[in-house]
Protein backbone atom coordinates (compact mmCIF):
# COMPACT_ATOMS: atom_id res chain seq x y z
CA MET A 1 -0.06 0.16 0.09
CA VAL A 2 1.45 3.53 -0.90
CA ALA A 3 1.57 5.87 1.71
CA PRO A 4 -0.60 9.18 0.95
CA ALA A 5 1.47 12.22 0.06
CA PRO A 6 2.21 14.46 2.56
CA LEU A 7 -0.24 17.35 2.68
CA LYS A 8 0.88 21.11 1.60
CA PRO A 9 0.89 23.94 3.68
CA ALA A 10 -2.32 25.78 4.00
CA VAL A 11 -4.78 27.99 6.11
CA LEU A 12 -7.92 26.40 6.77
CA TRP A 13 -10.45 29.35 7.24
CA PHE A 14 -13.33 27.94 9.53
CA THR A 15 -16.08 30.95 9.23
CA GLY A 16 -19.55 30.96 10.49
CA LEU A 17 -21.74 32.22 13.44
CA SER A 18 -21.47 31.58 16.92
CA GLY A 19 -22.67 28.22 17.66
CA SER A 20 -22.42 26.83 14.02
CA GLY A 21 -19.68 24.26 14.88
CA LYS A 22 -16.68 25.87 13.55
CA THR A 23 -14.57 25.41 16.53
CA THR A 24 -15.62 21.73 17.08
CA ILE A 25 -14.89 20.72 13.76
CA ALA A 26 -11.80 22.76 13.33
CA ARG A 27 -10.35 20.85 16.64
CA ASP A 28 -11.25 17.66 15.21
CA VAL A 29 -9.37 18.40 12.02
CA ARG A 30 -6.53 19.60 13.98
CA ASP A 31 -6.35 16.50 15.94
CA ARG A 32 -6.78 14.36 12.70
CA LEU A 33 -3.65 16.20 11.10
CA LEU A 34 -1.51 15.92 13.98
CA ALA A 35 -2.26 12.37 14.33
CA SER A 36 -0.88 11.98 10.78
CA GLY A 37 2.30 13.65 11.70
CA ALA A 38 1.47 16.93 9.78
CA ARG A 39 3.11 20.44 11.06
CA VAL A 40 -0.23 22.18 12.47
CA GLU A 41 -1.07 25.09 14.50
CA TYR A 42 -4.52 26.02 15.57
CA LEU A 43 -5.42 29.74 16.10
CA ASP A 44 -8.93 30.18 17.69
CA GLY A 45 -10.46 33.60 17.57
CA ASP A 46 -11.77 33.67 21.09
CA VAL A 47 -8.40 32.18 22.57
CA ILE A 48 -6.76 35.17 20.62
CA ARG A 49 -8.98 37.80 22.02
CA SER A 50 -8.09 36.72 25.59
CA VAL A 51 -4.46 37.51 24.76
CA PHE A 52 -5.34 40.92 23.45
CA PRO A 53 -8.60 41.88 25.46
CA GLU A 54 -8.73 45.39 24.17
CA THR A 55 -9.76 43.83 20.89
CA GLY A 56 -13.52 45.07 20.64
CA PHE A 57 -16.21 43.85 18.65
CA THR A 58 -16.91 47.07 16.32
CA LYS A 59 -16.54 46.61 12.47
CA PRO A 60 -12.98 48.34 12.68
CA GLU A 61 -11.95 46.32 15.61
CA ARG A 62 -13.43 42.81 14.27
CA ASP A 63 -11.43 43.83 10.94
CA ALA A 64 -8.61 44.25 12.26
CA HIS A 65 -8.53 41.19 14.41
CA VAL A 66 -9.42 39.18 11.48
CA LYS A 67 -6.63 40.76 9.56
CA ARG A 68 -4.05 40.39 12.65
CA VAL A 69 -5.09 36.41 13.01
CA GLY A 70 -4.66 36.25 9.20
CA PHE A 71 -1.09 37.88 8.99
CA LEU A 72 0.01 35.41 11.63
CA ALA A 73 -1.85 32.58 9.85
CA SER A 74 0.18 33.35 6.34
CA ARG A 75 3.55 33.44 8.03
CA LEU A 76 2.97 30.10 9.57
CA GLU A 77 1.86 28.85 6.16
CA HIS A 78 4.78 30.31 4.53
CA HIS A 79 7.11 28.32 6.99
CA GLY A 80 5.39 25.06 6.18
CA VAL A 81 2.65 24.96 8.48
CA ILE A 82 -1.32 23.83 7.89
CA VAL A 83 -2.85 26.56 9.75
CA ILE A 84 -6.52 26.20 10.97
CA CYS A 85 -8.35 29.39 12.12
CA ALA A 86 -11.68 29.34 13.68
CA LEU A 87 -13.11 32.75 13.64
CA ILE A 88 -16.58 34.25 13.29
CA SER A 89 -14.97 36.71 10.75
CA PRO A 90 -18.47 38.10 9.64
CA TYR A 91 -17.25 40.90 6.88
CA ALA A 92 -15.95 39.29 3.53
CA ALA A 93 -13.62 42.21 2.91
CA SER A 94 -11.57 41.10 5.67
CA ARG A 95 -11.61 37.38 4.77
CA ASN A 96 -10.80 38.57 1.17
CA TYR A 97 -7.76 40.28 2.61
CA VAL A 98 -6.49 37.24 4.53
CA ARG A 99 -6.94 35.02 1.37
CA GLY A 100 -4.55 37.73 -0.32
CA LEU A 101 -1.85 36.84 2.13
CA CYS A 102 -1.96 33.21 1.85
CA ARG A 103 -0.61 30.90 -0.57
CA ARG A 104 -3.28 28.33 -0.03
CA PHE A 105 -6.34 29.84 1.33
CA VAL A 106 -9.27 27.22 2.10
CA GLU A 107 -12.30 28.93 3.35
CA ILE A 108 -14.71 26.76 4.97
CA HIS A 109 -17.98 28.17 5.68
CA ILE A 110 -20.07 26.44 8.63
CA SER A 111 -23.50 27.64 6.98
CA THR A 112 -25.55 26.23 10.16
CA PRO A 113 -28.56 28.50 10.03
CA LEU A 114 -29.15 31.09 12.71
CA ALA A 115 -32.02 29.56 14.14
CA GLU A 116 -29.98 26.22 14.66
CA CYS A 117 -27.29 28.48 16.42
CA GLU A 118 -29.48 30.07 18.75
CA ARG A 119 -31.03 26.76 19.55
CA ARG A 120 -27.50 25.47 20.49
CA ASP A 121 -26.59 28.38 22.51
CA VAL A 122 -25.49 26.83 25.70
CA LYS A 123 -23.83 30.06 26.99
CA GLY A 124 -27.15 31.97 26.35
CA LEU A 125 -25.17 34.51 24.19
CA TYR A 126 -27.84 35.02 21.53
CA ARG A 127 -30.66 35.60 24.31
CA ARG A 128 -28.59 37.92 25.98
CA ALA A 129 -27.98 39.82 22.37
CA ARG A 130 -31.32 39.98 21.88
CA LEU A 131 -32.29 41.27 25.25
CA GLY A 132 -29.75 44.18 24.26
CA GLN A 133 -27.30 42.66 27.46
CA ILE A 134 -24.70 42.19 24.51
CA GLY A 135 -23.97 44.62 21.66
CA ASN A 136 -22.54 44.13 18.21
CA PHE A 137 -23.43 40.55 18.33
CA THR A 138 -23.02 38.91 14.97
CA GLY A 139 -26.43 37.66 13.57
CA VAL A 140 -28.29 39.80 15.75
CA GLN A 141 -27.20 43.50 15.80
CA ASP A 142 -24.34 42.88 13.72
CA PRO A 143 -24.50 41.45 10.20
CA TYR A 144 -22.44 38.17 8.93
CA GLU A 145 -21.92 38.05 5.25
CA PRO A 146 -21.51 34.76 4.05
CA PRO A 147 -18.62 33.59 1.49
CA ASP A 148 -20.21 33.74 -1.99
CA ALA A 149 -17.96 30.89 -3.26
CA PRO A 150 -16.05 29.14 -0.35
CA GLU A 151 -13.98 26.13 -0.98
CA LEU A 152 -16.34 24.16 1.30
CA ARG A 153 -19.90 24.99 2.79
CA ILE A 154 -21.03 22.78 5.53
CA ASP A 155 -24.44 22.99 7.34
CA THR A 156 -23.87 21.15 10.59
CA SER A 157 -27.84 20.95 11.60
CA ASP A 158 -27.86 17.60 10.03
CA MET A 159 -24.52 16.39 10.04
CA SER A 160 -22.33 15.11 12.55
CA VAL A 161 -18.83 16.18 13.77
CA GLN A 162 -17.18 13.41 12.43
CA GLU A 163 -19.00 13.77 8.84
CA ALA A 164 -18.04 17.44 8.79
CA ALA A 165 -14.45 16.81 9.63
CA ASP A 166 -14.49 13.92 6.84
CA ARG A 167 -15.67 16.14 4.46
CA VAL A 168 -12.48 19.01 5.31
CA MET A 169 -10.14 16.27 5.38
CA ARG A 170 -11.41 14.80 1.71
CA ALA A 171 -11.26 18.43 0.42
CA LEU A 172 -7.87 19.13 1.74
CA ARG A 173 -6.33 15.97 0.19
CA GLY A 174 -7.68 17.07 -3.23
CA ASP A 175 -9.89 13.45 -3.14
CA ASP A 176 -12.18 13.39 -6.31
CA GLU A 177 -14.63 11.61 -4.51
CA LEU A 178 -16.18 14.42 -2.82
CA ALA A 179 -19.95 14.22 -2.29
CA PRO A 180 -22.09 16.44 -2.74
CA ILE A 181 -19.67 17.90 -5.30
CA GLU A 182 -21.81 21.13 -5.63
CA SER A 183 -20.55 21.87 -2.06
CA VAL A 184 -17.00 20.79 -2.27
CA THR A 185 -14.37 21.64 -4.63
CA ARG A 186 -10.64 20.98 -5.02
CA LEU A 187 -8.18 23.51 -3.32
CA GLY A 188 -7.41 26.26 -5.65
CA GLN A 189 -10.80 26.44 -7.08
CA HIS A 190 -14.10 28.39 -5.58
CA ALA A 191 -17.35 26.64 -5.37
CA THR A 192 -19.56 27.51 -8.40
CA ASN A 193 -22.79 25.67 -7.15
CA VAL A 194 -23.32 26.68 -3.72
């Protein structure tokens, strides 16, 4: 049996609403890649915010946060690392800015509907946002601009973490046996039928 070719460095950018499943899927993919011996770094938006507590939630502050993480991810990728980023990253322009910094940018839109994200909300963030206790909350007071043509789009409302991570791994490997083909494309191309 022939061993699979080593995976090339890339930035896997998980984007979606709070509660969509992006962090859970990203961690599963990270664990699989680490188990395979790949050089991997995981950058989580919430963890990075805890290091830079002055980072706020206005549009300019969110854009700066995404660009900061994107720059770091691009430098790691340049040095041979597969970088997994899980950030809401609500604005298309800042995600596109990051795409421009990276050699292999793989945008993974976790497209779980808002109603499902609210249903899953164990921390009560959506409820608090709707009561006005949290301002600038994405999906409530602040918009989320879904990607027009991500490399991968996953709705976790009817899919397990395992199935979602399987799809990411198949896309990362460039597997031609992807299903459904309208939601997944090979790296370096954008989904055209999403």
